[in-house]
Amino acid sequence: MLFLKAADTVVGPDDNVLIPRGSRKTDWEVELAVVIGQRAQYLPTVSAAESVIAGYTISHDVSEREFQLERGGQWDKGKNAETFNPLGPWLVTRDEIADPQDLRLSLWVNGVRRQYGTTADMVFSVFEIVHYISQFMVLHPGDVVNTGTPAGVALGHPEPRPYLRAGDVVEVEIEGLGRQRQQVMDS
């Protein structure tokens, strides 16, 4: 499943996350973000993807599940609210990460750890994802590819699901890439 995120979803690592009007199911997702460093189109092999990567950072891929899953059509509706992609705090160059498939990811809501996993558990590797996308679209320097999230999102909990509410605090961390902290607010 591929989806795009609009430019205004990107905010800093410690900026507020705004719950969109009418949202009842705003969810969290810690993800490894890949930052493209060279133009990539029709990469010939999975291993060729490594050379087009500038580096890695943290993404908090916020999602509104009702907009995404219950209103028909594409997932973009639930992925593109303003502030729904806090990035950072750093861009760590690819040479500084020995193996992007060996990083620990964690996310806390109000101090309770909700997600913990490693990139070793990804269904598709970082290089497979970049290679695959390059077969359908041109990736340009500065493009960001979010790679997927470990178990533990609110959607995966039994009812009543603990979706984000105004006043919540989310902290997101990936080993070697730093930590984010966002206050959740109504828009």
Protein backbone atom coordinates (compact mmCIF):
# COMPACT_ATOMS: atom_id res chain seq x y z
CA MET A 1 0.00 0.00 0.00
CA LEU A 2 1.44 3.35 -1.05
CA PHE A 3 0.09 6.75 -0.07
CA LEU A 4 1.41 10.29 -0.29
CA LYS A 5 1.60 12.92 2.42
CA ALA A 6 1.19 16.62 1.62
CA ALA A 7 3.96 19.10 2.39
CA ASP A 8 2.01 20.75 5.23
CA THR A 9 1.96 17.48 7.17
CA VAL A 10 5.66 18.01 7.91
CA VAL A 11 6.47 19.81 11.15
CA GLY A 12 9.38 19.79 13.56
CA PRO A 13 10.02 17.03 16.07
CA ASP A 14 8.71 19.02 19.03
CA ASP A 15 5.87 20.90 17.30
CA ASN A 16 2.24 20.37 18.26
CA VAL A 17 0.14 17.74 16.52
CA LEU A 18 -3.29 19.10 15.64
CA ILE A 19 -6.35 16.87 15.74
CA PRO A 20 -8.45 17.75 12.68
CA ARG A 21 -12.03 18.95 12.98
CA GLY A 22 -14.40 15.98 13.26
CA SER A 23 -11.68 13.51 14.18
CA ARG A 24 -12.55 10.74 16.59
CA LYS A 25 -9.77 8.28 15.75
CA THR A 26 -6.42 10.09 15.54
CA ASP A 27 -3.71 7.45 15.92
CA TRP A 28 0.06 7.35 16.46
CA GLU A 29 2.73 5.53 14.42
CA VAL A 30 6.51 5.61 14.99
CA GLU A 31 8.33 5.02 11.69
CA LEU A 32 11.82 5.07 10.26
CA ALA A 33 11.91 7.77 7.58
CA VAL A 34 14.27 7.49 4.63
CA VAL A 35 15.47 10.74 3.08
CA ILE A 36 16.34 10.48 -0.61
CA GLY A 37 19.65 12.03 -1.67
CA GLN A 38 19.76 11.33 -5.42
CA ARG A 39 17.18 11.08 -8.18
CA ALA A 40 15.87 7.53 -8.34
CA GLN A 41 13.79 6.08 -11.14
CA TYR A 42 13.55 2.43 -12.20
CA LEU A 43 16.37 1.32 -9.90
CA PRO A 44 17.70 -1.91 -11.44
CA THR A 45 18.16 -3.86 -8.19
CA VAL A 46 17.19 -3.73 -4.54
CA SER A 47 20.84 -3.16 -3.59
CA ALA A 48 20.98 -0.10 -5.89
CA ALA A 49 18.55 1.65 -3.53
CA GLU A 50 21.23 2.14 -0.88
CA SER A 51 23.20 4.56 -3.07
CA VAL A 52 20.25 6.97 -3.49
CA ILE A 53 19.60 7.34 0.24
CA ALA A 54 20.96 10.48 1.91
CA GLY A 55 20.08 9.35 5.41
CA TYR A 56 17.47 8.52 8.01
CA THR A 57 15.30 10.34 10.50
CA ILE A 58 12.26 9.73 12.70
CA SER A 59 8.71 10.11 11.45
CA HIS A 60 5.62 10.21 13.61
CA ASP A 61 3.17 9.15 10.89
CA VAL A 62 -0.03 10.38 12.54
CA SER A 63 -3.20 8.91 11.01
CA GLU A 64 -6.92 9.57 11.37
CA ARG A 65 -8.40 6.06 11.11
CA GLU A 66 -12.03 6.98 10.46
CA PHE A 67 -11.04 9.28 7.59
CA GLN A 68 -8.59 6.63 6.33
CA LEU A 69 -10.68 3.45 6.60
CA GLU A 70 -14.36 4.29 7.00
CA ARG A 71 -15.01 7.00 4.42
CA GLY A 72 -14.14 5.10 1.23
CA GLY A 73 -11.52 5.85 -1.37
CA GLN A 74 -7.82 6.35 -0.81
CA TRP A 75 -5.96 6.36 2.50
CA ASP A 76 -4.71 9.90 1.79
CA LYS A 77 -7.69 11.44 3.62
CA GLY A 78 -6.53 9.96 6.91
CA LYS A 79 -2.85 10.68 6.40
CA ASN A 80 -2.77 14.31 5.30
CA ALA A 81 -4.07 16.54 8.04
CA GLU A 82 -1.83 19.48 8.84
CA THR A 83 0.98 18.45 11.29
CA PHE A 84 0.53 14.70 10.66
CA ASN A 85 4.22 14.00 9.93
CA PRO A 86 6.59 15.36 12.59
CA LEU A 87 10.16 14.68 11.38
CA GLY A 88 13.53 14.79 13.10
CA PRO A 89 15.25 15.81 15.24
CA TRP A 90 18.21 14.93 13.00
CA LEU A 91 19.04 13.66 9.55
CA VAL A 92 21.59 10.92 10.19
CA THR A 93 23.57 10.16 7.05
CA ARG A 94 23.47 6.62 5.67
CA ASP A 95 27.16 6.04 6.46
CA GLU A 96 26.41 6.64 10.17
CA ILE A 97 23.83 3.84 10.30
CA ALA A 98 25.58 0.48 9.99
CA ASP A 99 22.35 -1.40 9.25
CA PRO A 100 18.95 0.30 8.84
CA GLN A 101 17.36 -3.10 9.55
CA ASP A 102 18.78 -3.10 13.09
CA LEU A 103 17.19 -0.12 14.83
CA ARG A 104 14.87 -0.10 17.86
CA LEU A 105 11.71 2.02 17.64
CA SER A 106 9.58 3.16 20.60
CA LEU A 107 6.56 5.40 21.14
CA TRP A 108 4.95 6.55 24.39
CA VAL A 109 1.60 8.27 24.97
CA ASN A 110 1.39 10.12 28.28
CA GLY A 111 4.41 8.17 29.53
CA VAL A 112 2.99 4.72 28.67
CA ARG A 113 4.97 2.81 26.06
CA ARG A 114 2.52 1.90 23.30
CA GLN A 115 4.93 0.74 20.59
CA TYR A 116 8.22 -1.10 20.68
CA GLY A 117 9.82 -2.95 17.81
CA THR A 118 12.81 -3.16 15.55
CA THR A 119 13.33 -2.48 11.88
CA ALA A 120 14.45 -6.14 11.65
CA ASP A 121 10.74 -7.02 11.85
CA MET A 122 9.77 -4.96 8.80
CA VAL A 123 7.84 -6.89 6.14
CA PHE A 124 9.97 -5.26 3.42
CA SER A 125 13.46 -3.88 3.97
CA VAL A 126 14.31 -0.22 3.55
CA PHE A 127 16.10 -0.96 0.28
CA GLU A 128 13.18 -3.07 -1.03
CA ILE A 129 10.77 -0.22 -0.31
CA VAL A 130 12.87 2.41 -2.11
CA HIS A 131 13.48 0.08 -5.06
CA TYR A 132 9.76 -0.72 -5.33
CA ILE A 133 8.63 2.90 -5.23
CA SER A 134 11.19 3.84 -7.90
CA GLN A 135 9.42 1.50 -10.32
CA PHE A 136 6.28 3.70 -10.20
CA MET A 137 7.44 7.24 -9.51
CA VAL A 138 10.56 9.35 -9.58
CA LEU A 139 12.09 9.97 -6.17
CA HIS A 140 13.90 13.30 -5.87
CA PRO A 141 16.53 14.57 -3.41
CA GLY A 142 14.72 15.62 -0.25
CA ASP A 143 11.78 13.24 -0.71
CA VAL A 144 10.91 11.36 2.46
CA VAL A 145 9.75 7.74 2.52
CA ASN A 146 8.03 6.54 5.69
CA THR A 147 8.60 2.81 6.02
CA GLY A 148 5.89 1.38 8.28
CA THR A 149 5.18 0.98 11.96
CA PRO A 150 5.50 -1.79 14.56
CA ALA A 151 2.53 -3.23 16.43
CA GLY A 152 0.89 -1.19 19.14
CA VAL A 153 -1.09 1.52 17.35
CA ALA A 154 -4.45 2.47 18.89
CA LEU A 155 -6.29 0.79 16.00
CA GLY A 156 -4.85 -2.55 17.15
CA HIS A 157 -6.22 -2.23 20.71
CA PRO A 158 -9.59 -3.62 21.82
CA GLU A 159 -12.52 -1.22 22.25
CA PRO A 160 -12.54 1.36 23.60
CA ARG A 161 -9.42 2.20 21.62
CA PRO A 162 -7.08 4.78 23.19
CA TYR A 163 -6.99 7.24 20.29
CA LEU A 164 -5.22 10.55 20.79
CA ARG A 165 -7.04 13.42 22.47
CA ALA A 166 -6.20 17.06 23.08
CA GLY A 167 -3.78 17.29 25.99
CA ASP A 168 -2.00 14.00 25.26
CA VAL A 169 1.78 13.98 24.95
CA VAL A 170 3.47 11.66 22.46
CA GLU A 171 7.17 10.80 22.59
CA VAL A 172 8.82 8.99 19.68
CA GLU A 173 12.31 7.52 19.60
CA ILE A 174 14.50 5.50 17.23
CA GLU A 175 17.86 4.23 18.39
CA GLY A 176 20.64 6.41 16.99
CA LEU A 177 18.22 8.94 15.48
CA GLY A 178 17.03 10.85 18.52
CA ARG A 179 13.70 11.54 20.16
CA GLN A 180 10.62 13.65 19.45
CA ARG A 181 7.95 15.06 21.78
CA GLN A 182 4.60 16.45 20.68
CA GLN A 183 1.67 17.95 22.54
CA VAL A 184 -1.65 16.97 20.94
CA MET A 185 -4.08 19.85 20.48
CA ASP A 186 -7.42 20.47 18.78
CA SER A 187 -7.08 22.40 15.52
